[in-house]
Amino acid sequence: MARYLRIPGSRIEDLGPVWAAYSPASGETHLLNDEAALLLGRMADHGACSAAELAQALADDVGIAADELERRLSLGWNALLEAGLVRAVDGSEPWPP
């Protein structure tokens, strides 16, 4: 099971209709939608996690079943990886920390 960790030192700022996220790994700032910002915010609170663990943690907050939310989250991991906002980890990091 793939696990992901938010890049330490990344920052997220609310700009009204969108969010700005800075990655120290890439040195770039990216615009995010509400869902991606929520995902990264929750990752900051919980550390390394899989899509299933994150979906379970967010399901009650967003009012979507965990399995449907996991499917939706799976569509966004590559964009967050390419932006340098998360990285894949080997799975040895506990969740929640």
PDB file of N, CA and C in Angstrom:
ATOM      1  N   MET A   1       0.840  -1.178   0.000  1.00  0.00           N
ATOM      2  CA  MET A   1       0.000   0.000   0.000  1.00  0.00           C
ATOM      3  C   MET A   1       0.884   1.241   0.000  1.00  0.00           C
ATOM      4  N   ALA A   2       0.689   2.099  -0.965  1.00  0.00           N
ATOM      5  CA  ALA A   2       1.479   3.331  -1.055  1.00  0.00           C
ATOM      6  C   ALA A   2       1.129   4.263   0.094  1.00  0.00           C
ATOM      7  N   ARG A   3       2.161   4.879   0.643  1.00  0.00           N
ATOM      8  CA  ARG A   3       1.977   5.859   1.718  1.00  0.00           C
ATOM      9  C   ARG A   3       2.664   7.145   1.293  1.00  0.00           C
ATOM     10  N   TYR A   4       2.126   8.254   1.762  1.00  0.00           N
ATOM     11  CA  TYR A   4       2.614   9.571   1.365  1.00  0.00           C
ATOM     12  C   TYR A   4       2.827  10.431   2.599  1.00  0.00           C
ATOM     13  N   LEU A   5       3.754  11.369   2.466  1.00  0.00           N
ATOM     14  CA  LEU A   5       4.072  12.298   3.538  1.00  0.00           C
ATOM     15  C   LEU A   5       4.121  13.698   2.954  1.00  0.00           C
ATOM     16  N   ARG A   6       3.502  14.645   3.635  1.00  0.00           N
ATOM     17  CA  ARG A   6       3.593  16.035   3.199  1.00  0.00           C
ATOM     18  C   ARG A   6       5.032  16.500   3.390  1.00  0.00           C
ATOM     19  N   ILE A   7       5.559  17.220   2.416  1.00  0.00           N
ATOM     20  CA  ILE A   7       6.936  17.702   2.477  1.00  0.00           C
ATOM     21  C   ILE A   7       7.084  18.665   3.658  1.00  0.00           C
ATOM     22  N   PRO A   8       8.019  18.386   4.563  1.00  0.00           N
ATOM     23  CA  PRO A   8       8.247  19.305   5.683  1.00  0.00           C
ATOM     24  C   PRO A   8       8.613  20.701   5.176  1.00  0.00           C
ATOM     25  N   GLY A   9       8.044  21.710   5.799  1.00  0.00           N
ATOM     26  CA  GLY A   9       8.322  23.087   5.419  1.00  0.00           C
ATOM     27  C   GLY A   9       7.409  23.629   4.335  1.00  0.00           C
ATOM     28  N   SER A  10       6.547  22.761   3.771  1.00  0.00           N
ATOM     29  CA  SER A  10       5.598  23.274   2.780  1.00  0.00           C
ATOM     30  C   SER A  10       4.578  24.164   3.491  1.00  0.00           C
ATOM     31  N   ARG A  11       4.080  25.128   2.745  1.00  0.00           N
ATOM     32  CA  ARG A  11       3.125  26.094   3.326  1.00  0.00           C
ATOM     33  C   ARG A  11       1.899  26.188   2.441  1.00  0.00           C
ATOM     34  N   ILE A  12       0.761  26.406   3.069  1.00  0.00           N
ATOM     35  CA  ILE A  12      -0.500  26.579   2.353  1.00  0.00           C
ATOM     36  C   ILE A  12      -1.157  27.853   2.860  1.00  0.00           C
ATOM     37  N   GLU A  13      -1.589  28.695   1.920  1.00  0.00           N
ATOM     38  CA  GLU A  13      -2.255  29.957   2.271  1.00  0.00           C
ATOM     39  C   GLU A  13      -3.569  30.070   1.518  1.00  0.00           C
ATOM     40  N   ASP A  14      -4.603  30.500   2.223  1.00  0.00           N
ATOM     41  CA  ASP A  14      -5.922  30.715   1.634  1.00  0.00           C
ATOM     42  C   ASP A  14      -5.927  32.039   0.881  1.00  0.00           C
ATOM     43  N   LEU A  15      -6.247  31.988  -0.411  1.00  0.00           N
ATOM     44  CA  LEU A  15      -6.312  33.192  -1.238  1.00  0.00           C
ATOM     45  C   LEU A  15      -7.747  33.517  -1.648  1.00  0.00           C
ATOM     46  N   GLY A  16      -8.720  32.989  -0.926  1.00  0.00           N
ATOM     47  CA  GLY A  16     -10.118  33.213  -1.268  1.00  0.00           C
ATOM     48  C   GLY A  16     -10.652  32.076  -2.102  1.00  0.00           C
ATOM     49  N   PRO A  17     -10.756  32.255  -3.416  1.00  0.00           N
ATOM     50  CA  PRO A  17     -11.316  31.186  -4.240  1.00  0.00           C
ATOM     51  C   PRO A  17     -10.354  30.018  -4.487  1.00  0.00           C
ATOM     52  N   VAL A  18      -9.085  30.197  -4.219  1.00  0.00           N
ATOM     53  CA  VAL A  18      -8.078  29.138  -4.378  1.00  0.00           C
ATOM     54  C   VAL A  18      -7.104  29.204  -3.213  1.00  0.00           C
ATOM     55  N   TRP A  19      -6.226  28.243  -3.164  1.00  0.00           N
ATOM     56  CA  TRP A  19      -5.173  28.173  -2.156  1.00  0.00           C
ATOM     57  C   TRP A  19      -3.832  28.208  -2.866  1.00  0.00           C
ATOM     58  N   ALA A  20      -2.839  28.808  -2.225  1.00  0.00           N
ATOM     59  CA  ALA A  20      -1.472  28.779  -2.732  1.00  0.00           C
ATOM     60  C   ALA A  20      -0.673  27.842  -1.831  1.00  0.00           C
ATOM     61  N   ALA A  21       0.129  26.991  -2.449  1.00  0.00           N
ATOM     62  CA  ALA A  21       0.962  26.057  -1.695  1.00  0.00           C
ATOM     63  C   ALA A  21       2.397  26.193  -2.180  1.00  0.00           C
ATOM     64  N   TYR A  22       3.301  26.432  -1.236  1.00  0.00           N
ATOM     65  CA  TYR A  22       4.725  26.546  -1.547  1.00  0.00           C
ATOM     66  C   TYR A  22       5.423  25.252  -1.159  1.00  0.00           C
ATOM     67  N   SER A  23       6.248  24.752  -2.053  1.00  0.00           N
ATOM     68  CA  SER A  23       7.038  23.555  -1.781  1.00  0.00           C
ATOM     69  C   SER A  23       8.510  23.916  -1.696  1.00  0.00           C
ATOM     70  N   PRO A  24       9.150  23.707  -0.541  1.00  0.00           N
ATOM     71  CA  PRO A  24      10.593  23.927  -0.460  1.00  0.00           C
ATOM     72  C   PRO A  24      11.373  22.888  -1.274  1.00  0.00           C
ATOM     73  N   ALA A  25      10.750  21.756  -1.582  1.00  0.00           N
ATOM     74  CA  ALA A  25      11.420  20.722  -2.379  1.00  0.00           C
ATOM     75  C   ALA A  25      11.615  21.168  -3.817  1.00  0.00           C
ATOM     76  N   SER A  26      10.613  21.863  -4.377  1.00  0.00           N
ATOM     77  CA  SER A  26      10.709  22.307  -5.769  1.00  0.00           C
ATOM     78  C   SER A  26      11.030  23.795  -5.879  1.00  0.00           C
ATOM     79  N   GLY A  27      10.800  24.541  -4.787  1.00  0.00           N
ATOM     80  CA  GLY A  27      10.991  25.985  -4.822  1.00  0.00           C
ATOM     81  C   GLY A  27       9.884  26.706  -5.571  1.00  0.00           C
ATOM     82  N   GLU A  28       8.788  26.011  -5.831  1.00  0.00           N
ATOM     83  CA  GLU A  28       7.690  26.575  -6.602  1.00  0.00           C
ATOM     84  C   GLU A  28       6.441  26.749  -5.745  1.00  0.00           C
ATOM     85  N   THR A  29       5.593  27.657  -6.193  1.00  0.00           N
ATOM     86  CA  THR A  29       4.284  27.860  -5.586  1.00  0.00           C
ATOM     87  C   THR A  29       3.233  27.376  -6.573  1.00  0.00           C
ATOM     88  N   HIS A  30       2.244  26.670  -6.058  1.00  0.00           N
ATOM     89  CA  HIS A  30       1.192  26.093  -6.879  1.00  0.00           C
ATOM     90  C   HIS A  30      -0.163  26.543  -6.375  1.00  0.00           C
ATOM     91  N   LEU A  31      -1.138  26.665  -7.266  1.00  0.00           N
ATOM     92  CA  LEU A  31      -2.504  26.960  -6.886  1.00  0.00           C
ATOM     93  C   LEU A  31      -3.240  25.649  -6.692  1.00  0.00           C
ATOM     94  N   LEU A  32      -4.019  25.571  -5.600  1.00  0.00           N
ATOM     95  CA  LEU A  32      -4.744  24.351  -5.253  1.00  0.00           C
ATOM     96  C   LEU A  32      -6.230  24.640  -5.116  1.00  0.00           C
ATOM     97  N   ASN A  33      -7.035  23.607  -5.308  1.00  0.00           N
ATOM     98  CA  ASN A  33      -8.454  23.725  -4.999  1.00  0.00           C
ATOM     99  C   ASN A  33      -8.669  23.399  -3.525  1.00  0.00           C
ATOM    100  N   ASP A  34      -9.896  23.547  -3.062  1.00  0.00           N
ATOM    101  CA  ASP A  34     -10.210  23.305  -1.651  1.00  0.00           C
ATOM    102  C   ASP A  34      -9.879  21.879  -1.223  1.00  0.00           C
ATOM    103  N   GLU A  35     -10.160  20.924  -2.092  1.00  0.00           N
ATOM    104  CA  GLU A  35      -9.938  19.520  -1.747  1.00  0.00           C
ATOM    105  C   GLU A  35      -8.462  19.213  -1.533  1.00  0.00           C
ATOM    106  N   ALA A  36      -7.615  19.693  -2.412  1.00  0.00           N
ATOM    107  CA  ALA A  36      -6.179  19.453  -2.256  1.00  0.00           C
ATOM    108  C   ALA A  36      -5.644  20.136  -1.000  1.00  0.00           C
ATOM    109  N   ALA A  37      -6.135  21.336  -0.716  1.00  0.00           N
ATOM    110  CA  ALA A  37      -5.703  22.045   0.495  1.00  0.00           C
ATOM    111  C   ALA A  37      -6.145  21.300   1.748  1.00  0.00           C
ATOM    112  N   LEU A  38      -7.375  20.766   1.738  1.00  0.00           N
ATOM    113  CA  LEU A  38      -7.859  19.984   2.873  1.00  0.00           C
ATOM    114  C   LEU A  38      -6.994  18.747   3.076  1.00  0.00           C
ATOM    115  N   LEU A  39      -6.695  18.067   1.989  1.00  0.00           N
ATOM    116  CA  LEU A  39      -5.863  16.872   2.041  1.00  0.00           C
ATOM    117  C   LEU A  39      -4.493  17.186   2.644  1.00  0.00           C
ATOM    118  N   LEU A  40      -3.842  18.227   2.159  1.00  0.00           N
ATOM    119  CA  LEU A  40      -2.511  18.587   2.673  1.00  0.00           C
ATOM    120  C   LEU A  40      -2.580  19.049   4.128  1.00  0.00           C
ATOM    121  N   GLY A  41      -3.647  19.752   4.472  1.00  0.00           N
ATOM    122  CA  GLY A  41      -3.817  20.178   5.862  1.00  0.00           C
ATOM    123  C   GLY A  41      -3.946  19.000   6.800  1.00  0.00           C
ATOM    124  N   ARG A  42      -4.728  18.004   6.395  1.00  0.00           N
ATOM    125  CA  ARG A  42      -4.900  16.818   7.232  1.00  0.00           C
ATOM    126  C   ARG A  42      -3.594  16.032   7.323  1.00  0.00           C
ATOM    127  N   MET A  43      -2.839  15.988   6.229  1.00  0.00           N
ATOM    128  CA  MET A  43      -1.552  15.291   6.253  1.00  0.00           C
ATOM    129  C   MET A  43      -0.588  15.967   7.216  1.00  0.00           C
ATOM    130  N   ALA A  44      -0.650  17.275   7.324  1.00  0.00           N
ATOM    131  CA  ALA A  44       0.227  17.982   8.266  1.00  0.00           C
ATOM    132  C   ALA A  44      -0.092  17.571   9.690  1.00  0.00           C
ATOM    133  N   ASP A  45      -1.365  17.277   9.956  1.00  0.00           N
ATOM    134  CA  ASP A  45      -1.789  16.876  11.300  1.00  0.00           C
ATOM    135  C   ASP A  45      -1.434  15.434  11.624  1.00  0.00           C
ATOM    136  N   HIS A  46      -1.356  14.569  10.598  1.00  0.00           N
ATOM    137  CA  HIS A  46      -1.248  13.133  10.843  1.00  0.00           C
ATOM    138  C   HIS A  46       0.015  12.462  10.344  1.00  0.00           C
ATOM    139  N   GLY A  47       0.827  13.125   9.559  1.00  0.00           N
ATOM    140  CA  GLY A  47       2.042  12.489   9.073  1.00  0.00           C
ATOM    141  C   GLY A  47       1.786  11.549   7.913  1.00  0.00           C
ATOM    142  N   ALA A  48       2.675  10.579   7.723  1.00  0.00           N
ATOM    143  CA  ALA A  48       2.596   9.654   6.594  1.00  0.00           C
ATOM    144  C   ALA A  48       1.300   8.858   6.646  1.00  0.00           C
ATOM    145  N   CYS A  49       0.661   8.707   5.484  1.00  0.00           N
ATOM    146  CA  CYS A  49      -0.595   7.976   5.435  1.00  0.00           C
ATOM    147  C   CYS A  49      -0.832   7.437   4.033  1.00  0.00           C
ATOM    148  N   SER A  50      -1.680   6.449   3.952  1.00  0.00           N
ATOM    149  CA  SER A  50      -2.110   5.922   2.658  1.00  0.00           C
ATOM    150  C   SER A  50      -3.380   6.659   2.252  1.00  0.00           C
ATOM    151  N   ALA A  51      -3.778   6.474   1.008  1.00  0.00           N
ATOM    152  CA  ALA A  51      -5.030   7.078   0.542  1.00  0.00           C
ATOM    153  C   ALA A  51      -6.201   6.544   1.355  1.00  0.00           C
ATOM    154  N   ALA A  52      -6.177   5.266   1.703  1.00  0.00           N
ATOM    155  CA  ALA A  52      -7.269   4.668   2.484  1.00  0.00           C
ATOM    156  C   ALA A  52      -7.343   5.271   3.879  1.00  0.00           C
ATOM    157  N   GLU A  53      -6.204   5.437   4.535  1.00  0.00           N
ATOM    158  CA  GLU A  53      -6.184   6.024   5.879  1.00  0.00           C
ATOM    159  C   GLU A  53      -6.660   7.470   5.847  1.00  0.00           C
ATOM    160  N   LEU A  54      -6.197   8.214   4.868  1.00  0.00           N
ATOM    161  CA  LEU A  54      -6.592   9.615   4.748  1.00  0.00           C
ATOM    162  C   LEU A  54      -8.080   9.725   4.433  1.00  0.00           C
ATOM    163  N   ALA A  55      -8.585   8.880   3.549  1.00  0.00           N
ATOM    164  CA  ALA A  55     -10.008   8.895   3.209  1.00  0.00           C
ATOM    165  C   ALA A  55     -10.852   8.597   4.437  1.00  0.00           C
ATOM    166  N   GLN A  56     -10.434   7.634   5.234  1.00  0.00           N
ATOM    167  CA  GLN A  56     -11.175   7.299   6.450  1.00  0.00           C
ATOM    168  C   GLN A  56     -11.201   8.478   7.413  1.00  0.00           C
ATOM    169  N   ALA A  57     -10.060   9.169   7.558  1.00  0.00           N
ATOM    170  CA  ALA A  57      -9.971  10.311   8.465  1.00  0.00           C
ATOM    171  C   ALA A  57     -10.814  11.494   7.987  1.00  0.00           C
ATOM    172  N   LEU A  58     -10.946  11.657   6.675  1.00  0.00           N
ATOM    173  CA  LEU A  58     -11.670  12.802   6.110  1.00  0.00           C
ATOM    174  C   LEU A  58     -13.146  12.534   5.849  1.00  0.00           C
ATOM    175  N   ALA A  59     -13.558  11.283   5.790  1.00  0.00           N
ATOM    176  CA  ALA A  59     -14.916  10.927   5.363  1.00  0.00           C
ATOM    177  C   ALA A  59     -15.997  11.672   6.139  1.00  0.00           C
ATOM    178  N   ASP A  60     -15.905  11.700   7.451  1.00  0.00           N
ATOM    179  CA  ASP A  60     -16.929  12.384   8.244  1.00  0.00           C
ATOM    180  C   ASP A  60     -16.914  13.886   8.020  1.00  0.00           C
ATOM    181  N   ASP A  61     -15.721  14.459   7.841  1.00  0.00           N
ATOM    182  CA  ASP A  61     -15.596  15.909   7.645  1.00  0.00           C
ATOM    183  C   ASP A  61     -16.247  16.378   6.350  1.00  0.00           C
ATOM    184  N   VAL A  62     -16.138  15.576   5.298  1.00  0.00           N
ATOM    185  CA  VAL A  62     -16.626  16.006   3.988  1.00  0.00           C
ATOM    186  C   VAL A  62     -17.946  15.356   3.594  1.00  0.00           C
ATOM    187  N   GLY A  63     -18.430  14.408   4.388  1.00  0.00           N
ATOM    188  CA  GLY A  63     -19.720  13.796   4.119  1.00  0.00           C
ATOM    189  C   GLY A  63     -19.748  12.878   2.909  1.00  0.00           C
ATOM    190  N   ILE A  64     -18.626  12.227   2.629  1.00  0.00           N
ATOM    191  CA  ILE A  64     -18.533  11.274   1.521  1.00  0.00           C
ATOM    192  C   ILE A  64     -18.043   9.949   2.102  1.00  0.00           C
ATOM    193  N   ALA A  65     -18.583   8.851   1.612  1.00  0.00           N
ATOM    194  CA  ALA A  65     -18.151   7.538   2.085  1.00  0.00           C
ATOM    195  C   ALA A  65     -16.652   7.371   1.859  1.00  0.00           C
ATOM    196  N   ALA A  66     -15.982   6.700   2.780  1.00  0.00           N
ATOM    197  CA  ALA A  66     -14.525   6.567   2.728  1.00  0.00           C
ATOM    198  C   ALA A  66     -14.048   5.903   1.439  1.00  0.00           C
ATOM    199  N   ASP A  67     -14.745   4.885   0.954  1.00  0.00           N
ATOM    200  CA  ASP A  67     -14.283   4.215  -0.266  1.00  0.00           C
ATOM    201  C   ASP A  67     -14.409   5.107  -1.500  1.00  0.00           C
ATOM    202  N   GLU A  68     -15.467   5.912  -1.564  1.00  0.00           N
ATOM    203  CA  GLU A  68     -15.616   6.858  -2.677  1.00  0.00           C
ATOM    204  C   GLU A  68     -14.573   7.974  -2.572  1.00  0.00           C
ATOM    205  N   LEU A  69     -14.326   8.436  -1.370  1.00  0.00           N
ATOM    206  CA  LEU A  69     -13.320   9.476  -1.170  1.00  0.00           C
ATOM    207  C   LEU A  69     -11.929   8.959  -1.520  1.00  0.00           C
ATOM    208  N   GLU A  70     -11.622   7.713  -1.171  1.00  0.00           N
ATOM    209  CA  GLU A  70     -10.332   7.131  -1.530  1.00  0.00           C
ATOM    210  C   GLU A  70     -10.164   7.095  -3.049  1.00  0.00           C
ATOM    211  N   ARG A  71     -11.227   6.728  -3.770  1.00  0.00           N
ATOM    212  CA  ARG A  71     -11.170   6.710  -5.229  1.00  0.00           C
ATOM    213  C   ARG A  71     -10.870   8.098  -5.769  1.00  0.00           C
ATOM    214  N   ARG A  72     -11.522   9.108  -5.220  1.00  0.00           N
ATOM    215  CA  ARG A  72     -11.293  10.485  -5.672  1.00  0.00           C
ATOM    216  C   ARG A  72      -9.879  10.957  -5.333  1.00  0.00           C
ATOM    217  N   LEU A  73      -9.406  10.609  -4.147  1.00  0.00           N
ATOM    218  CA  LEU A  73      -8.049  11.004  -3.744  1.00  0.00           C
ATOM    219  C   LEU A  73      -6.998  10.360  -4.635  1.00  0.00           C
ATOM    220  N   SER A  74      -7.245   9.143  -5.085  1.00  0.00           N
ATOM    221  CA  SER A  74      -6.258   8.440  -5.905  1.00  0.00           C
ATOM    222  C   SER A  74      -5.971   9.188  -7.206  1.00  0.00           C
ATOM    223  N   LEU A  75      -6.910  10.009  -7.646  1.00  0.00           N
ATOM    224  CA  LEU A  75      -6.725  10.777  -8.874  1.00  0.00           C
ATOM    225  C   LEU A  75      -5.751  11.944  -8.699  1.00  0.00           C
ATOM    226  N   GLY A  76      -5.513  12.378  -7.455  1.00  0.00           N
ATOM    227  CA  GLY A  76      -4.708  13.569  -7.232  1.00  0.00           C
ATOM    228  C   GLY A  76      -3.286  13.368  -6.731  1.00  0.00           C
ATOM    229  N   TRP A  77      -2.925  12.141  -6.357  1.00  0.00           N
ATOM    230  CA  TRP A  77      -1.596  11.933  -5.778  1.00  0.00           C
ATOM    231  C   TRP A  77      -0.471  12.318  -6.732  1.00  0.00           C
ATOM    232  N   ASN A  78      -0.579  11.942  -8.007  1.00  0.00           N
ATOM    233  CA  ASN A  78       0.505  12.247  -8.953  1.00  0.00           C
ATOM    234  C   ASN A  78       0.746  13.750  -9.075  1.00  0.00           C
ATOM    235  N   ALA A  79      -0.310  14.540  -9.107  1.00  0.00           N
ATOM    236  CA  ALA A  79      -0.150  15.994  -9.208  1.00  0.00           C
ATOM    237  C   ALA A  79       0.556  16.541  -7.968  1.00  0.00           C
ATOM    238  N   LEU A  80       0.211  16.037  -6.796  1.00  0.00           N
ATOM    239  CA  LEU A  80       0.859  16.503  -5.563  1.00  0.00           C
ATOM    240  C   LEU A  80       2.314  16.047  -5.497  1.00  0.00           C
ATOM    241  N   LEU A  81       2.588  14.845  -5.990  1.00  0.00           N
ATOM    242  CA  LEU A  81       3.971  14.358  -6.050  1.00  0.00           C
ATOM    243  C   LEU A  81       4.798  15.218  -7.006  1.00  0.00           C
ATOM    244  N   GLU A  82       4.264  15.475  -8.196  1.00  0.00           N
ATOM    245  CA  GLU A  82       4.985  16.268  -9.198  1.00  0.00           C
ATOM    246  C   GLU A  82       5.197  17.707  -8.738  1.00  0.00           C
ATOM    247  N   ALA A  83       4.286  18.235  -7.952  1.00  0.00           N
ATOM    248  CA  ALA A  83       4.412  19.600  -7.439  1.00  0.00           C
ATOM    249  C   ALA A  83       5.411  19.686  -6.291  1.00  0.00           C
ATOM    250  N   GLY A  84       5.855  18.530  -5.777  1.00  0.00           N
ATOM    251  CA  GLY A  84       6.796  18.539  -4.658  1.00  0.00           C
ATOM    252  C   GLY A  84       6.128  18.858  -3.329  1.00  0.00           C
ATOM    253  N   LEU A  85       4.821  18.603  -3.224  1.00  0.00           N
ATOM    254  CA  LEU A  85       4.093  18.878  -1.984  1.00  0.00           C
ATOM    255  C   LEU A  85       3.975  17.645  -1.100  1.00  0.00           C
ATOM    256  N   VAL A  86       4.080  16.463  -1.684  1.00  0.00           N
ATOM    257  CA  VAL A  86       4.113  15.209  -0.933  1.00  0.00           C
ATOM    258  C   VAL A  86       5.198  14.326  -1.525  1.00  0.00           C
ATOM    259  N   ARG A  87       5.598  13.318  -0.764  1.00  0.00           N
ATOM    260  CA  ARG A  87       6.542  12.342  -1.283  1.00  0.00           C
ATOM    261  C   ARG A  87       6.082  10.959  -0.835  1.00  0.00           C
ATOM    262  N   ALA A  88       6.416   9.971  -1.635  1.00  0.00           N
ATOM    263  CA  ALA A  88       6.120   8.588  -1.273  1.00  0.00           C
ATOM    264  C   ALA A  88       7.103   8.163  -0.195  1.00  0.00           C
ATOM    265  N   VAL A  89       6.626   7.383   0.762  1.00  0.00           N
ATOM    266  CA  VAL A  89       7.482   6.872   1.837  1.00  0.00           C
ATOM    267  C   VAL A  89       7.378   5.353   1.866  1.00  0.00           C
ATOM    268  N   ASP A  90       8.289   4.727   2.569  1.00  0.00           N
ATOM    269  CA  ASP A  90       8.383   3.270   2.544  1.00  0.00           C
ATOM    270  C   ASP A  90       7.353   2.554   3.402  1.00  0.00           C
ATOM    271  N   GLY A  91       6.559   3.273   4.131  1.00  0.00           N
ATOM    272  CA  GLY A  91       5.518   2.637   4.932  1.00  0.00           C
ATOM    273  C   GLY A  91       5.916   2.353   6.364  1.00  0.00           C
ATOM    274  N   SER A  92       7.145   2.625   6.758  1.00  0.00           N
ATOM    275  CA  SER A  92       7.561   2.347   8.125  1.00  0.00           C
ATOM    276  C   SER A  92       7.148   3.450   9.101  1.00  0.00           C
ATOM    277  N   GLU A  93       6.781   4.628   8.572  1.00  0.00           N
ATOM    278  CA  GLU A  93       6.335   5.700   9.441  1.00  0.00           C
ATOM    279  C   GLU A  93       4.954   5.379   9.977  1.00  0.00           C
ATOM    280  N   PRO A  94       4.725   5.508  11.279  1.00  0.00           N
ATOM    281  CA  PRO A  94       3.411   5.183  11.855  1.00  0.00           C
ATOM    282  C   PRO A  94       2.370   6.230  11.469  1.00  0.00           C
ATOM    283  N   TRP A  95       1.099   5.808  11.449  1.00  0.00           N
ATOM    284  CA  TRP A  95      -0.005   6.742  11.226  1.00  0.00           C
ATOM    285  C   TRP A  95      -1.163   6.344  12.122  1.00  0.00           C
ATOM    286  N   PRO A  96      -1.740   7.278  12.877  1.00  0.00           N
ATOM    287  CA  PRO A  96      -1.207   8.620  13.081  1.00  0.00           C
ATOM    288  C   PRO A  96       0.033   8.577  13.941  1.00  0.00           C
ATOM    289  N   PRO A  97       0.845   9.665  13.867  1.00  0.00           N
ATOM    290  CA  PRO A  97       2.109   9.688  14.613  1.00  0.00           C
ATOM    291  C   PRO A  97       1.872   9.707  16.117  1.00  0.00           C
TER     292      PRO A  97
END
